[in-house]
PDB file of N, CA and C in Angstrom:
ATOM      1  N   MET A   1      -2.034   2.289 -11.010  1.00  0.00           N
ATOM      2  CA  MET A   1      -1.332   0.965 -11.623  1.00  0.00           C
ATOM      3  C   MET A   1      -2.590   0.312 -12.523  1.00  0.00           C
ATOM      4  N   ASN A   2      -2.198   0.369 -13.629  1.00  0.00           N
ATOM      5  CA  ASN A   2      -3.292  -0.573 -14.552  1.00  0.00           C
ATOM      6  C   ASN A   2      -2.563  -1.809 -15.274  1.00  0.00           C
ATOM      7  N   THR A   3      -3.805  -2.529 -14.748  1.00  0.00           N
ATOM      8  CA  THR A   3      -3.055  -4.529 -14.836  1.00  0.00           C
ATOM      9  C   THR A   3      -4.055  -4.924 -16.058  1.00  0.00           C
ATOM     10  N   ALA A   4      -3.625  -5.843 -16.660  1.00  0.00           N
ATOM     11  CA  ALA A   4      -4.201  -6.398 -17.383  1.00  0.00           C
ATOM     12  C   ALA A   4      -4.207  -8.095 -17.524  1.00  0.00           C
ATOM     13  N   SER A   5      -5.007  -8.928 -18.042  1.00  0.00           N
ATOM     14  CA  SER A   5      -4.670 -10.201 -18.211  1.00  0.00           C
ATOM     15  C   SER A   5      -5.428 -11.194 -18.973  1.00  0.00           C
ATOM     16  N   ILE A   6      -4.372 -11.878 -19.813  1.00  0.00           N
ATOM     17  CA  ILE A   6      -4.787 -12.595 -20.962  1.00  0.00           C
ATOM     18  C   ILE A   6      -4.685 -13.574 -20.454  1.00  0.00           C
ATOM     19  N   THR A   7      -5.393 -14.768 -21.145  1.00  0.00           N
ATOM     20  CA  THR A   7      -5.921 -16.009 -20.777  1.00  0.00           C
ATOM     21  C   THR A   7      -5.767 -16.774 -22.170  1.00  0.00           C
ATOM     22  N   PHE A   8      -5.102 -17.483 -22.571  1.00  0.00           N
ATOM     23  CA  PHE A   8      -4.816 -18.607 -24.041  1.00  0.00           C
ATOM     24  C   PHE A   8      -5.492 -20.015 -23.500  1.00  0.00           C
ATOM     25  N   GLU A   9      -6.021 -20.565 -23.928  1.00  0.00           N
ATOM     26  CA  GLU A   9      -6.730 -21.878 -23.850  1.00  0.00           C
ATOM     27  C   GLU A   9      -6.175 -23.069 -25.229  1.00  0.00           C
ATOM     28  N   TYR A  10      -5.658 -24.094 -24.748  1.00  0.00           N
ATOM     29  CA  TYR A  10      -4.877 -25.146 -25.852  1.00  0.00           C
ATOM     30  C   TYR A  10      -5.702 -26.264 -25.671  1.00  0.00           C
ATOM     31  N   SER A  11      -5.418 -27.108 -26.923  1.00  0.00           N
ATOM     32  CA  SER A  11      -5.775 -28.407 -26.921  1.00  0.00           C
ATOM     33  C   SER A  11      -5.518 -29.627 -26.057  1.00  0.00           C
ATOM     34  N   ASN A  12      -4.276 -29.432 -25.954  1.00  0.00           N
ATOM     35  CA  ASN A  12      -3.612 -30.249 -24.522  1.00  0.00           C
ATOM     36  C   ASN A  12      -2.356 -29.378 -23.935  1.00  0.00           C
ATOM     37  N   ASN A  13      -2.104 -29.923 -22.683  1.00  0.00           N
ATOM     38  CA  ASN A  13      -1.377 -29.741 -21.753  1.00  0.00           C
ATOM     39  C   ASN A  13       0.069 -29.503 -22.235  1.00  0.00           C
ATOM     40  N   HIS A  14       0.600 -30.457 -23.010  1.00  0.00           N
ATOM     41  CA  HIS A  14       1.929 -30.107 -23.730  1.00  0.00           C
ATOM     42  C   HIS A  14       2.406 -28.631 -24.529  1.00  0.00           C
ATOM     43  N   LYS A  15       1.217 -28.484 -25.463  1.00  0.00           N
ATOM     44  CA  LYS A  15       1.261 -27.318 -26.060  1.00  0.00           C
ATOM     45  C   LYS A  15       1.198 -25.927 -25.502  1.00  0.00           C
ATOM     46  N   ALA A  16       0.358 -26.063 -24.503  1.00  0.00           N
ATOM     47  CA  ALA A  16       0.055 -25.047 -23.645  1.00  0.00           C
ATOM     48  C   ALA A  16       1.434 -24.495 -22.807  1.00  0.00           C
ATOM     49  N   ALA A  17       2.029 -25.563 -22.471  1.00  0.00           N
ATOM     50  CA  ALA A  17       3.454 -25.667 -21.438  1.00  0.00           C
ATOM     51  C   ALA A  17       4.517 -25.075 -22.522  1.00  0.00           C
ATOM     52  N   VAL A  18       4.550 -25.325 -23.528  1.00  0.00           N
ATOM     53  CA  VAL A  18       5.691 -24.845 -24.972  1.00  0.00           C
ATOM     54  C   VAL A  18       5.496 -23.406 -25.009  1.00  0.00           C
ATOM     55  N   VAL A  19       4.084 -23.381 -24.765  1.00  0.00           N
ATOM     56  CA  VAL A  19       3.783 -21.267 -25.342  1.00  0.00           C
ATOM     57  C   VAL A  19       4.386 -20.682 -24.028  1.00  0.00           C
ATOM     58  N   ALA A  20       3.728 -21.257 -22.743  1.00  0.00           N
ATOM     59  CA  ALA A  20       3.907 -20.453 -21.958  1.00  0.00           C
ATOM     60  C   ALA A  20       5.516 -20.208 -21.707  1.00  0.00           C
ATOM     61  N   LYS A  21       6.213 -20.933 -21.763  1.00  0.00           N
ATOM     62  CA  LYS A  21       7.530 -21.088 -22.158  1.00  0.00           C
ATOM     63  C   LYS A  21       8.326 -20.216 -22.720  1.00  0.00           C
ATOM     64  N   MET A  22       7.886 -20.278 -23.771  1.00  0.00           N
ATOM     65  CA  MET A  22       8.470 -19.448 -25.056  1.00  0.00           C
ATOM     66  C   MET A  22       8.193 -17.849 -24.877  1.00  0.00           C
ATOM     67  N   LEU A  23       6.606 -17.798 -24.182  1.00  0.00           N
ATOM     68  CA  LEU A  23       6.393 -16.193 -23.935  1.00  0.00           C
ATOM     69  C   LEU A  23       6.976 -15.562 -22.715  1.00  0.00           C
ATOM     70  N   GLU A  24       7.462 -16.514 -21.847  1.00  0.00           N
ATOM     71  CA  GLU A  24       8.315 -15.927 -20.785  1.00  0.00           C
ATOM     72  C   GLU A  24       9.220 -15.733 -21.072  1.00  0.00           C
ATOM     73  N   VAL A  25       9.799 -16.461 -22.106  1.00  0.00           N
ATOM     74  CA  VAL A  25      11.555 -15.833 -22.580  1.00  0.00           C
ATOM     75  C   VAL A  25      11.312 -14.756 -22.920  1.00  0.00           C
ATOM     76  N   ASP A  26      10.340 -14.086 -24.089  1.00  0.00           N
ATOM     77  CA  ASP A  26      10.034 -12.895 -24.689  1.00  0.00           C
ATOM     78  C   ASP A  26       9.964 -11.859 -23.556  1.00  0.00           C
ATOM     79  N   ASN A  27       9.143 -12.066 -22.372  1.00  0.00           N
ATOM     80  CA  ASN A  27       8.496 -11.252 -20.721  1.00  0.00           C
ATOM     81  C   ASN A  27      10.099 -10.669 -20.394  1.00  0.00           C
ATOM     82  N   LYS A  28      11.069 -11.880 -20.840  1.00  0.00           N
ATOM     83  CA  LYS A  28      12.347 -11.476 -20.058  1.00  0.00           C
ATOM     84  C   LYS A  28      12.884  -9.922 -20.675  1.00  0.00           C
ATOM     85  N   ILE A  29      12.231  -9.881 -21.768  1.00  0.00           N
ATOM     86  CA  ILE A  29      13.273  -8.445 -22.525  1.00  0.00           C
ATOM     87  C   ILE A  29      12.405  -7.307 -22.246  1.00  0.00           C
ATOM     88  N   ALA A  30      11.391  -7.470 -21.742  1.00  0.00           N
ATOM     89  CA  ALA A  30      10.439  -6.466 -21.423  1.00  0.00           C
ATOM     90  C   ALA A  30      11.031  -5.116 -20.771  1.00  0.00           C
ATOM     91  N   PRO A  31      10.856  -4.028 -20.565  1.00  0.00           N
ATOM     92  CA  PRO A  31      11.309  -2.946 -20.068  1.00  0.00           C
ATOM     93  C   PRO A  31      11.023  -2.986 -18.432  1.00  0.00           C
ATOM     94  N   LYS A  32      12.077  -2.638 -17.647  1.00  0.00           N
ATOM     95  CA  LYS A  32      12.066  -2.666 -15.889  1.00  0.00           C
ATOM     96  C   LYS A  32      10.950  -2.402 -15.656  1.00  0.00           C
ATOM     97  N   LYS A  33       9.966  -1.132 -15.657  1.00  0.00           N
ATOM     98  CA  LYS A  33       8.804  -0.350 -15.296  1.00  0.00           C
ATOM     99  C   LYS A  33       7.839  -1.197 -15.590  1.00  0.00           C
ATOM    100  N   LEU A  34       7.672  -2.317 -16.709  1.00  0.00           N
ATOM    101  CA  LEU A  34       6.698  -3.283 -16.939  1.00  0.00           C
ATOM    102  C   LEU A  34       6.978  -4.529 -16.087  1.00  0.00           C
ATOM    103  N   LYS A  35       5.835  -4.594 -15.185  1.00  0.00           N
ATOM    104  CA  LYS A  35       5.885  -6.303 -14.672  1.00  0.00           C
ATOM    105  C   LYS A  35       4.656  -6.847 -15.848  1.00  0.00           C
ATOM    106  N   ILE A  36       5.342  -8.193 -16.086  1.00  0.00           N
ATOM    107  CA  ILE A  36       4.735  -9.013 -16.838  1.00  0.00           C
ATOM    108  C   ILE A  36       5.074 -10.439 -16.570  1.00  0.00           C
ATOM    109  N   GLU A  37       3.952 -11.335 -16.476  1.00  0.00           N
ATOM    110  CA  GLU A  37       4.383 -12.561 -15.769  1.00  0.00           C
ATOM    111  C   GLU A  37       3.278 -13.629 -16.670  1.00  0.00           C
ATOM    112  N   THR A  38       3.944 -14.625 -16.977  1.00  0.00           N
ATOM    113  CA  THR A  38       3.041 -15.932 -17.796  1.00  0.00           C
ATOM    114  C   THR A  38       3.329 -17.039 -16.958  1.00  0.00           C
ATOM    115  N   VAL A  39       2.497 -17.894 -16.746  1.00  0.00           N
ATOM    116  CA  VAL A  39       2.200 -18.978 -16.204  1.00  0.00           C
ATOM    117  C   VAL A  39       1.215 -20.070 -16.695  1.00  0.00           C
ATOM    118  N   ASN A  40       1.664 -21.236 -16.729  1.00  0.00           N
ATOM    119  CA  ASN A  40       0.855 -21.987 -17.489  1.00  0.00           C
ATOM    120  C   ASN A  40       0.300 -22.763 -16.396  1.00  0.00           C
ATOM    121  N   ARG A  41      -0.855 -23.089 -16.865  1.00  0.00           N
ATOM    122  CA  ARG A  41      -2.551 -23.698 -15.640  1.00  0.00           C
ATOM    123  C   ARG A  41      -2.685 -25.086 -16.631  1.00  0.00           C
ATOM    124  N   GLY A  42      -2.300 -26.291 -16.935  1.00  0.00           N
ATOM    125  CA  GLY A  42      -2.961 -26.882 -17.316  1.00  0.00           C
ATOM    126  C   GLY A  42      -3.224 -27.048 -18.821  1.00  0.00           C
ATOM    127  N   LYS A  43      -4.527 -26.519 -19.349  1.00  0.00           N
ATOM    128  CA  LYS A  43      -4.643 -26.595 -20.870  1.00  0.00           C
ATOM    129  C   LYS A  43      -4.517 -24.919 -21.052  1.00  0.00           C
ATOM    130  N   MET A  44      -4.478 -23.894 -20.162  1.00  0.00           N
ATOM    131  CA  MET A  44      -4.257 -22.692 -20.064  1.00  0.00           C
ATOM    132  C   MET A  44      -2.900 -22.247 -20.000  1.00  0.00           C
ATOM    133  N   VAL A  45      -2.710 -20.842 -20.430  1.00  0.00           N
ATOM    134  CA  VAL A  45      -1.494 -19.866 -20.246  1.00  0.00           C
ATOM    135  C   VAL A  45      -2.186 -18.416 -19.750  1.00  0.00           C
ATOM    136  N   ILE A  46      -1.587 -17.945 -18.922  1.00  0.00           N
ATOM    137  CA  ILE A  46      -2.195 -16.591 -18.554  1.00  0.00           C
ATOM    138  C   ILE A  46      -1.238 -16.082 -18.227  1.00  0.00           C
ATOM    139  N   THR A  47      -1.227 -14.797 -18.759  1.00  0.00           N
ATOM    140  CA  THR A  47      -0.298 -13.695 -18.852  1.00  0.00           C
ATOM    141  C   THR A  47      -0.914 -12.679 -17.771  1.00  0.00           C
ATOM    142  N   ARG A  48      -0.122 -12.087 -16.753  1.00  0.00           N
ATOM    143  CA  ARG A  48      -0.826 -10.511 -16.499  1.00  0.00           C
ATOM    144  C   ARG A  48       0.719  -9.514 -16.694  1.00  0.00           C
ATOM    145  N   ALA A  49       0.044  -8.527 -16.996  1.00  0.00           N
ATOM    146  CA  ALA A  49       1.010  -7.571 -16.987  1.00  0.00           C
ATOM    147  C   ALA A  49       0.257  -6.315 -16.347  1.00  0.00           C
ATOM    148  N   GLU A  50       1.440  -5.179 -15.796  1.00  0.00           N
ATOM    149  CA  GLU A  50       0.743  -4.119 -14.932  1.00  0.00           C
ATOM    150  C   GLU A  50       2.186  -2.788 -15.210  1.00  0.00           C
ATOM    151  N   HIS A  51       1.375  -1.559 -15.643  1.00  0.00           N
ATOM    152  CA  HIS A  51       1.981  -0.719 -15.961  1.00  0.00           C
ATOM    153  C   HIS A  51       1.388   0.479 -15.684  1.00  0.00           C
ATOM    154  N   LYS A  52       1.955   1.848 -15.132  1.00  0.00           N
ATOM    155  CA  LYS A  52       1.416   3.013 -14.801  1.00  0.00           C
ATOM    156  C   LYS A  52       0.622   3.358 -16.084  1.00  0.00           C
ATOM    157  N   ARG A  53       1.097   3.564 -17.310  1.00  0.00           N
ATOM    158  CA  ARG A  53       0.512   4.347 -18.276  1.00  0.00           C
ATOM    159  C   ARG A  53      -0.289   3.108 -19.227  1.00  0.00           C
ATOM    160  N   LEU A  54      -1.588   3.307 -19.587  1.00  0.00           N
ATOM    161  CA  LEU A  54      -2.064   2.950 -20.061  1.00  0.00           C
ATOM    162  C   LEU A  54      -2.053   1.995 -21.448  1.00  0.00           C
ATOM    163  N   GLY A  55      -1.265   3.156 -22.149  1.00  0.00           N
ATOM    164  CA  GLY A  55      -0.819   3.123 -23.387  1.00  0.00           C
ATOM    165  C   GLY A  55       0.217   1.569 -23.503  1.00  0.00           C
ATOM    166  N   THR A  56       1.108   2.283 -22.974  1.00  0.00           N
ATOM    167  CA  THR A  56       1.864   0.866 -22.921  1.00  0.00           C
ATOM    168  C   THR A  56       1.408  -0.200 -22.391  1.00  0.00           C
ATOM    169  N   LEU A  57       0.413  -0.303 -21.427  1.00  0.00           N
ATOM    170  CA  LEU A  57      -0.330  -1.997 -21.434  1.00  0.00           C
ATOM    171  C   LEU A  57      -0.958  -2.301 -22.407  1.00  0.00           C
ATOM    172  N   PHE A  58      -1.488  -1.419 -23.534  1.00  0.00           N
ATOM    173  CA  PHE A  58      -2.206  -1.823 -24.476  1.00  0.00           C
ATOM    174  C   PHE A  58      -1.491  -2.319 -25.422  1.00  0.00           C
ATOM    175  N   ALA A  59      -0.186  -1.175 -25.983  1.00  0.00           N
ATOM    176  CA  ALA A  59       0.971  -2.038 -26.524  1.00  0.00           C
ATOM    177  C   ALA A  59       1.574  -3.588 -25.977  1.00  0.00           C
ATOM    178  N   THR A  60       1.587  -3.562 -24.883  1.00  0.00           N
ATOM    179  CA  THR A  60       1.983  -5.161 -24.410  1.00  0.00           C
ATOM    180  C   THR A  60       1.070  -5.986 -24.722  1.00  0.00           C
ATOM    181  N   VAL A  61      -0.314  -5.752 -24.389  1.00  0.00           N
ATOM    182  CA  VAL A  61      -0.998  -6.877 -24.776  1.00  0.00           C
ATOM    183  C   VAL A  61      -1.231  -7.090 -26.366  1.00  0.00           C
ATOM    184  N   ASP A  62      -0.927  -6.164 -26.972  1.00  0.00           N
ATOM    185  CA  ASP A  62      -0.898  -6.139 -28.589  1.00  0.00           C
ATOM    186  C   ASP A  62       0.332  -7.145 -29.034  1.00  0.00           C
ATOM    187  N   ASP A  63       1.465  -6.725 -28.576  1.00  0.00           N
ATOM    188  CA  ASP A  63       2.468  -7.678 -28.884  1.00  0.00           C
ATOM    189  C   ASP A  63       2.360  -9.066 -27.946  1.00  0.00           C
ATOM    190  N   LEU A  64       1.687  -9.109 -26.825  1.00  0.00           N
ATOM    191  CA  LEU A  64       1.554 -10.603 -26.628  1.00  0.00           C
ATOM    192  C   LEU A  64       0.748 -11.415 -27.229  1.00  0.00           C
ATOM    193  N   ILE A  65      -0.318 -10.660 -28.270  1.00  0.00           N
ATOM    194  CA  ILE A  65      -1.693 -11.348 -29.004  1.00  0.00           C
ATOM    195  C   ILE A  65      -0.419 -11.816 -30.280  1.00  0.00           C
ATOM    196  N   PHE A  66       0.172 -10.648 -30.782  1.00  0.00           N
ATOM    197  CA  PHE A  66       1.177 -11.227 -31.995  1.00  0.00           C
ATOM    198  C   PHE A  66       2.114 -11.944 -31.526  1.00  0.00           C
ATOM    199  N   THR A  67       2.865 -12.404 -30.532  1.00  0.00           N
ATOM    200  CA  THR A  67       3.724 -13.559 -30.505  1.00  0.00           C
ATOM    201  C   THR A  67       2.920 -14.658 -30.170  1.00  0.00           C
ATOM    202  N   GLU A  68       2.225 -14.661 -29.297  1.00  0.00           N
ATOM    203  CA  GLU A  68       1.688 -15.917 -29.359  1.00  0.00           C
ATOM    204  C   GLU A  68       1.150 -16.871 -30.541  1.00  0.00           C
ATOM    205  N   ARG A  69       0.572 -15.762 -31.187  1.00  0.00           N
ATOM    206  CA  ARG A  69       0.202 -16.367 -32.661  1.00  0.00           C
ATOM    207  C   ARG A  69       1.217 -16.755 -33.638  1.00  0.00           C
ATOM    208  N   LEU A  70       2.278 -16.388 -33.222  1.00  0.00           N
ATOM    209  CA  LEU A  70       3.093 -16.451 -33.810  1.00  0.00           C
ATOM    210  C   LEU A  70       3.899 -18.129 -33.544  1.00  0.00           C
ATOM    211  N   ILE A  71       4.145 -17.825 -32.220  1.00  0.00           N
ATOM    212  CA  ILE A  71       4.303 -19.542 -31.246  1.00  0.00           C
ATOM    213  C   ILE A  71       3.701 -20.085 -31.549  1.00  0.00           C
ATOM    214  N   SER A  72       2.428 -20.159 -31.572  1.00  0.00           N
ATOM    215  CA  SER A  72       1.347 -21.197 -32.027  1.00  0.00           C
ATOM    216  C   SER A  72       1.115 -21.335 -33.568  1.00  0.00           C
ATOM    217  N   SER A  73       1.512 -20.762 -34.705  1.00  0.00           N
ATOM    218  CA  SER A  73       1.700 -21.240 -35.647  1.00  0.00           C
ATOM    219  C   SER A  73       2.831 -22.123 -35.646  1.00  0.00           C
ATOM    220  N   LEU A  74       3.861 -21.543 -35.180  1.00  0.00           N
ATOM    221  CA  LEU A  74       5.573 -21.932 -35.384  1.00  0.00           C
ATOM    222  C   LEU A  74       4.955 -23.578 -34.983  1.00  0.00           C
ATOM    223  N   ILE A  75       5.031 -24.117 -33.555  1.00  0.00           N
ATOM    224  CA  ILE A  75       4.749 -25.251 -33.213  1.00  0.00           C
ATOM    225  C   ILE A  75       3.420 -26.485 -33.258  1.00  0.00           C
ATOM    226  N   GLU A  76       2.361 -25.870 -34.328  1.00  0.00           N
ATOM    227  CA  GLU A  76       1.000 -26.384 -34.760  1.00  0.00           C
ATOM    228  C   GLU A  76       1.588 -28.187 -35.376  1.00  0.00           C
ATOM    229  N   VAL A  77       2.685 -27.763 -36.096  1.00  0.00           N
ATOM    230  CA  VAL A  77       3.100 -29.273 -36.665  1.00  0.00           C
ATOM    231  C   VAL A  77       3.773 -29.974 -35.758  1.00  0.00           C
ATOM    232  N   LYS A  78       4.275 -29.588 -34.783  1.00  0.00           N
ATOM    233  CA  LYS A  78       5.271 -30.362 -33.797  1.00  0.00           C
ATOM    234  C   LYS A  78       4.400 -30.896 -32.887  1.00  0.00           C
ATOM    235  N   VAL A  79       3.483 -29.864 -32.311  1.00  0.00           N
ATOM    236  CA  VAL A  79       2.400 -30.374 -31.105  1.00  0.00           C
ATOM    237  C   VAL A  79       1.259 -30.313 -31.524  1.00  0.00           C
ATOM    238  N   GLN A  80       0.662 -31.345 -31.037  1.00  0.00           N
ATOM    239  CA  GLN A  80      -0.876 -31.562 -31.505  1.00  0.00           C
ATOM    240  C   GLN A  80      -1.060 -32.120 -30.243  1.00  0.00           C
TER     241      GLN A  80
END
């Protein structure tokens, strides 16, 4: 099984909590064979993913980064 872990760090706990919650919503529509979980730890948001196919894992990480950037840019004005 292939695994990946990616950590994002934010300027404050509130922003991290908002991003984590929104990423976890996105995780819920992931394919059933893809194990993915996002947690919030203070100013950090940590996502762990696991899948047997490396290509699927790379695509998941790419999607995660894209989604995080989109979420961060949308909430930047509201949460500082």
